[in-house]
């Protein structure tokens, strides 16, 4: 039986120039807004905190706290 990755949250390891998929899925959840982010649209994350962000504003908000 094939397992579909659609509608599953991926687990990623964030690196300076990209990320590695640890657990397959089709999206991650923004650490600030809770918004679902498709992996192909993911542009912002923190290597130190190992968390994704929906946009630059959410990333700045996380860094301020």
C-alpha atoms as a PDB file:
ATOM      1  CA  UNK A   1       0.000   0.000   0.000  1.00  0.00           C
ATOM      2  CA  UNK A   2       1.316   3.444  -0.947  1.00  0.00           C
ATOM      3  CA  UNK A   3       1.201   6.189   1.646  1.00  0.00           C
ATOM      4  CA  UNK A   4       0.311   9.650   0.379  1.00  0.00           C
ATOM      5  CA  UNK A   5       2.170  12.686   1.719  1.00  0.00           C
ATOM      6  CA  UNK A   6      -0.748  14.998   1.010  1.00  0.00           C
ATOM      7  CA  UNK A   7      -2.293  16.650   4.028  1.00  0.00           C
ATOM      8  CA  UNK A   8       0.591  15.539   6.282  1.00  0.00           C
ATOM      9  CA  UNK A   9       2.856  17.863   8.216  1.00  0.00           C
ATOM     10  CA  UNK A  10       6.491  17.400   7.235  1.00  0.00           C
ATOM     11  CA  UNK A  11       9.292  17.413   9.783  1.00  0.00           C
ATOM     12  CA  UNK A  12      12.329  19.317   8.538  1.00  0.00           C
ATOM     13  CA  UNK A  13      15.882  20.081   9.576  1.00  0.00           C
ATOM     14  CA  UNK A  14      16.559  23.722   8.708  1.00  0.00           C
ATOM     15  CA  UNK A  15      20.009  24.671   7.434  1.00  0.00           C
ATOM     16  CA  UNK A  16      21.524  27.979   6.291  1.00  0.00           C
ATOM     17  CA  UNK A  17      20.816  27.413   2.590  1.00  0.00           C
ATOM     18  CA  UNK A  18      17.888  25.033   2.651  1.00  0.00           C
ATOM     19  CA  UNK A  19      16.261  22.269   4.597  1.00  0.00           C
ATOM     20  CA  UNK A  20      16.296  18.490   4.734  1.00  0.00           C
ATOM     21  CA  UNK A  21      13.079  16.477   4.997  1.00  0.00           C
ATOM     22  CA  UNK A  22      13.179  14.205   8.033  1.00  0.00           C
ATOM     23  CA  UNK A  23       9.546  13.067   7.841  1.00  0.00           C
ATOM     24  CA  UNK A  24       7.738  13.382   4.487  1.00  0.00           C
ATOM     25  CA  UNK A  25       4.727  15.629   4.182  1.00  0.00           C
ATOM     26  CA  UNK A  26       3.330  18.398   2.029  1.00  0.00           C
ATOM     27  CA  UNK A  27       3.450  21.305   4.481  1.00  0.00           C
ATOM     28  CA  UNK A  28       4.815  22.769   7.717  1.00  0.00           C
ATOM     29  CA  UNK A  29       3.092  25.081  10.198  1.00  0.00           C
ATOM     30  CA  UNK A  30       4.340  28.632  10.858  1.00  0.00           C
ATOM     31  CA  UNK A  31       5.693  28.907  14.401  1.00  0.00           C
ATOM     32  CA  UNK A  32       4.177  32.381  14.814  1.00  0.00           C
ATOM     33  CA  UNK A  33       0.890  32.450  12.881  1.00  0.00           C
ATOM     34  CA  UNK A  34      -0.065  28.776  12.785  1.00  0.00           C
ATOM     35  CA  UNK A  35      -0.562  29.080   9.024  1.00  0.00           C
ATOM     36  CA  UNK A  36       0.003  25.983   6.859  1.00  0.00           C
ATOM     37  CA  UNK A  37       2.902  26.494   4.443  1.00  0.00           C
ATOM     38  CA  UNK A  38       3.462  24.333   1.394  1.00  0.00           C
ATOM     39  CA  UNK A  39       7.078  23.134   1.257  1.00  0.00           C
ATOM     40  CA  UNK A  40       7.593  24.644  -2.193  1.00  0.00           C
ATOM     41  CA  UNK A  41       6.489  28.055  -0.825  1.00  0.00           C
ATOM     42  CA  UNK A  42       8.639  27.947   2.338  1.00  0.00           C
ATOM     43  CA  UNK A  43      11.110  30.856   2.255  1.00  0.00           C
ATOM     44  CA  UNK A  44      11.660  31.853   5.903  1.00  0.00           C
ATOM     45  CA  UNK A  45      12.974  29.796   8.823  1.00  0.00           C
ATOM     46  CA  UNK A  46      15.341  29.954  11.761  1.00  0.00           C
ATOM     47  CA  UNK A  47      18.320  27.626  11.835  1.00  0.00           C
ATOM     48  CA  UNK A  48      18.921  28.322  15.538  1.00  0.00           C
ATOM     49  CA  UNK A  49      15.294  27.794  16.563  1.00  0.00           C
ATOM     50  CA  UNK A  50      14.558  25.130  13.935  1.00  0.00           C
ATOM     51  CA  UNK A  51      11.162  26.624  13.097  1.00  0.00           C
ATOM     52  CA  UNK A  52       9.436  27.863   9.910  1.00  0.00           C
ATOM     53  CA  UNK A  53       7.753  31.236   9.331  1.00  0.00           C
ATOM     54  CA  UNK A  54       5.016  32.315   6.924  1.00  0.00           C
ATOM     55  CA  UNK A  55       6.729  35.547   5.911  1.00  0.00           C
ATOM     56  CA  UNK A  56       9.407  38.059   6.852  1.00  0.00           C
ATOM     57  CA  UNK A  57       7.078  39.804   9.298  1.00  0.00           C
ATOM     58  CA  UNK A  58       6.455  36.561  11.208  1.00  0.00           C
ATOM     59  CA  UNK A  59      10.201  35.837  11.247  1.00  0.00           C
ATOM     60  CA  UNK A  60      10.939  39.305  12.671  1.00  0.00           C
ATOM     61  CA  UNK A  61       8.212  38.865  15.274  1.00  0.00           C
ATOM     62  CA  UNK A  62       9.761  35.553  16.396  1.00  0.00           C
ATOM     63  CA  UNK A  63      13.252  37.041  16.563  1.00  0.00           C
ATOM     64  CA  UNK A  64      11.992  39.942  18.710  1.00  0.00           C
ATOM     65  CA  UNK A  65      10.687  37.612  21.409  1.00  0.00           C
END
